[in-house]
């Protein structure tokens, strides 16, 4: 259980925020925009994409030859394309919140079960940029909290 602290922290955040998300008014989740012109719906959708992509990376990094070539969906604005193509702005909020919740709960389960002998496996994140499995998992909470902070900022707008 190399990542138990990370798993516990994420589990607590997911539980707290799933409850908060369910209570948010429709105008708030759709109408308020951050500096990237993303609504709360779109940020939550982006977090689903992040959990999904990181799940695939963690799995690939445990059985493929390192360094692993795997698309970086966030490079060159592609994450905005993912948000647009999946039309998170119009997705049923309860479905999106549940997708967000369970994608992260599965990711938490996955990181609790990583083969620690594979932690040095690397993923090619960009030209001349390699990220180890260990570093990727350790960085995930930072990224998660960055987007939670964006949501909090939008919720605090008057």
Protein backbone atom coordinates (compact mmCIF):
# COMPACT_ATOMS: atom_id res chain seq x y z
CA UNK A 1 0.00 0.00 0.00
CA UNK A 2 2.57 2.52 -1.14
CA UNK A 3 0.04 5.26 -1.85
CA UNK A 4 -2.32 4.82 1.08
CA UNK A 5 -1.99 8.43 2.26
CA UNK A 6 -2.82 9.72 -1.23
CA UNK A 7 -5.73 7.30 -1.48
CA UNK A 8 -7.16 8.38 1.88
CA UNK A 9 -6.82 12.07 1.04
CA UNK A 10 -8.51 11.60 -2.34
CA UNK A 11 -11.23 9.43 -0.86
CA UNK A 12 -12.11 12.14 1.66
CA UNK A 13 -12.12 14.85 -1.01
CA UNK A 14 -14.32 12.77 -3.31
CA UNK A 15 -16.84 12.03 -0.54
CA UNK A 16 -17.03 15.68 0.53
CA UNK A 17 -17.28 17.12 -2.96
CA UNK A 18 -19.75 14.56 -4.32
CA UNK A 19 -22.15 15.72 -1.61
CA UNK A 20 -21.48 19.40 -2.34
CA UNK A 21 -21.91 18.91 -6.10
CA UNK A 22 -25.30 17.27 -5.67
CA UNK A 23 -26.62 20.37 -3.87
CA UNK A 24 -25.45 23.02 -6.32
CA UNK A 25 -28.05 25.06 -8.20
CA UNK A 26 -28.23 24.63 -11.99
CA UNK A 27 -27.51 28.33 -12.63
CA UNK A 28 -24.30 28.13 -10.60
CA UNK A 29 -22.89 25.00 -12.24
CA UNK A 30 -23.64 26.14 -15.78
CA UNK A 31 -23.37 29.90 -15.66
CA UNK A 32 -20.25 30.91 -13.81
CA UNK A 33 -17.00 30.79 -15.82
CA UNK A 34 -13.36 30.71 -14.76
CA UNK A 35 -10.37 32.32 -16.49
CA UNK A 36 -10.29 29.43 -19.00
CA UNK A 37 -13.98 30.08 -19.77
CA UNK A 38 -14.96 26.78 -18.12
CA UNK A 39 -18.12 26.31 -16.11
CA UNK A 40 -18.25 24.11 -13.03
CA UNK A 41 -19.86 21.42 -15.24
CA UNK A 42 -16.92 21.59 -17.62
CA UNK A 43 -14.33 21.52 -14.84
CA UNK A 44 -16.00 18.45 -13.33
CA UNK A 45 -16.04 16.85 -16.79
CA UNK A 46 -12.36 17.64 -17.24
CA UNK A 47 -11.68 15.95 -13.91
CA UNK A 48 -13.50 12.85 -15.20
CA UNK A 49 -11.21 12.90 -18.23
CA UNK A 50 -8.19 13.24 -15.97
CA UNK A 51 -9.21 10.30 -13.80
CA UNK A 52 -9.92 8.21 -16.88
CA UNK A 53 -6.67 9.06 -18.66
CA UNK A 54 -4.62 8.54 -15.52
CA UNK A 55 -6.31 5.20 -14.94
CA UNK A 56 -5.21 4.08 -18.39
CA UNK A 57 -1.68 5.38 -17.85
CA UNK A 58 -1.34 3.56 -14.52
CA UNK A 59 -2.50 0.31 -16.11
CA UNK A 60 -0.27 0.65 -19.19
CA UNK A 61 2.76 1.56 -17.08
CA UNK A 62 2.48 -1.72 -15.19
CA UNK A 63 2.73 -4.06 -18.16
CA UNK A 64 4.21 -2.26 -21.16
CA UNK A 65 7.87 -1.66 -21.90
CA UNK A 66 9.13 1.66 -20.51
CA UNK A 67 9.02 4.39 -21.67
CA UNK A 68 5.38 4.02 -22.64
CA UNK A 69 3.97 5.97 -25.55
CA UNK A 70 0.48 7.02 -24.60
CA UNK A 71 -1.33 10.13 -25.84
CA UNK A 72 -1.30 13.14 -23.57
CA UNK A 73 -4.86 14.40 -23.91
CA UNK A 74 -3.97 17.68 -22.18
CA UNK A 75 -1.27 18.76 -24.63
CA UNK A 76 -1.86 21.56 -27.11
CA UNK A 77 -5.37 22.37 -25.89
CA UNK A 78 -6.71 18.90 -26.52
CA UNK A 79 -8.34 18.81 -23.08
CA UNK A 80 -10.65 21.61 -24.25
CA UNK A 81 -11.50 19.52 -27.30
CA UNK A 82 -12.39 16.62 -24.99
CA UNK A 83 -14.65 18.91 -22.96
CA UNK A 84 -16.34 20.22 -26.09
CA UNK A 85 -16.73 16.88 -27.87
CA UNK A 86 -18.27 15.27 -24.80
CA UNK A 87 -20.48 18.35 -24.25
CA UNK A 88 -20.20 18.31 -20.47
CA UNK A 89 -22.06 21.62 -20.40
CA UNK A 90 -25.26 19.81 -21.35
CA UNK A 91 -24.78 16.47 -19.60
CA UNK A 92 -27.25 15.49 -16.90
CA UNK A 93 -25.69 16.87 -13.70
CA UNK A 94 -26.48 13.80 -11.58
CA UNK A 95 -24.96 11.51 -14.19
CA UNK A 96 -21.86 13.70 -14.44
CA UNK A 97 -21.43 13.89 -10.67
CA UNK A 98 -21.76 10.11 -10.35
CA UNK A 99 -19.32 9.59 -13.22
CA UNK A 100 -16.88 11.95 -11.48
CA UNK A 101 -17.33 10.20 -8.16
CA UNK A 102 -16.95 6.65 -9.41
CA UNK A 103 -14.10 7.42 -11.84
CA UNK A 104 -12.14 8.78 -8.89
CA UNK A 105 -13.13 5.99 -6.52
CA UNK A 106 -11.89 3.49 -9.08
CA UNK A 107 -8.64 5.44 -9.52
CA UNK A 108 -8.19 5.37 -5.73
CA UNK A 109 -8.69 1.59 -5.79
CA UNK A 110 -6.19 1.29 -8.62
CA UNK A 111 -3.43 3.27 -6.91
CA UNK A 112 -3.87 1.16 -3.77
CA UNK A 113 -3.07 -1.87 -5.91
CA UNK A 114 -0.09 -0.66 -7.93
CA UNK A 115 2.77 -3.09 -8.30
CA UNK A 116 5.48 -1.18 -6.44
CA UNK A 117 8.14 -2.85 -8.60
CA UNK A 118 6.81 -0.77 -11.51
CA UNK A 119 7.08 2.69 -9.90
CA UNK A 120 10.07 3.68 -12.05
CA UNK A 121 8.25 2.86 -15.31
CA UNK A 122 8.00 6.00 -17.42
CA UNK A 123 5.42 7.57 -19.66
CA UNK A 124 6.40 9.95 -22.47
CA UNK A 125 4.31 13.00 -21.56
CA UNK A 126 5.73 15.25 -24.30
CA UNK A 127 8.87 15.71 -26.36
CA UNK A 128 11.78 14.99 -24.01
CA UNK A 129 9.43 14.84 -21.01
CA UNK A 130 9.25 11.58 -19.11
CA UNK A 131 7.08 11.00 -16.04
CA UNK A 132 7.46 7.99 -13.77
CA UNK A 133 4.48 6.06 -12.49
CA UNK A 134 5.44 7.14 -8.96
CA UNK A 135 5.62 10.83 -9.89
CA UNK A 136 2.36 10.68 -11.82
CA UNK A 137 0.44 9.23 -8.87
CA UNK A 138 2.08 11.59 -6.40
CA UNK A 139 1.14 14.58 -8.58
CA UNK A 140 -2.50 13.55 -9.06
CA UNK A 141 -3.77 15.15 -5.81
CA UNK A 142 -2.18 18.49 -6.78
CA UNK A 143 -4.07 18.48 -10.08
CA UNK A 144 -7.28 17.37 -8.37
CA UNK A 145 -7.04 20.14 -5.77
CA UNK A 146 -6.19 22.73 -8.44
CA UNK A 147 -9.55 22.09 -10.07
CA UNK A 148 -11.40 21.94 -6.76
CA UNK A 149 -9.90 25.39 -5.99
CA UNK A 150 -11.20 26.66 -9.36
CA UNK A 151 -14.66 25.36 -8.46
CA UNK A 152 -14.47 26.95 -5.01
CA UNK A 153 -13.51 30.25 -6.59
CA UNK A 154 -16.54 30.08 -8.88
CA UNK A 155 -18.80 29.18 -5.97
CA UNK A 156 -17.54 32.19 -4.04
CA UNK A 157 -18.30 34.65 -6.85
CA UNK A 158 -21.07 37.10 -6.05
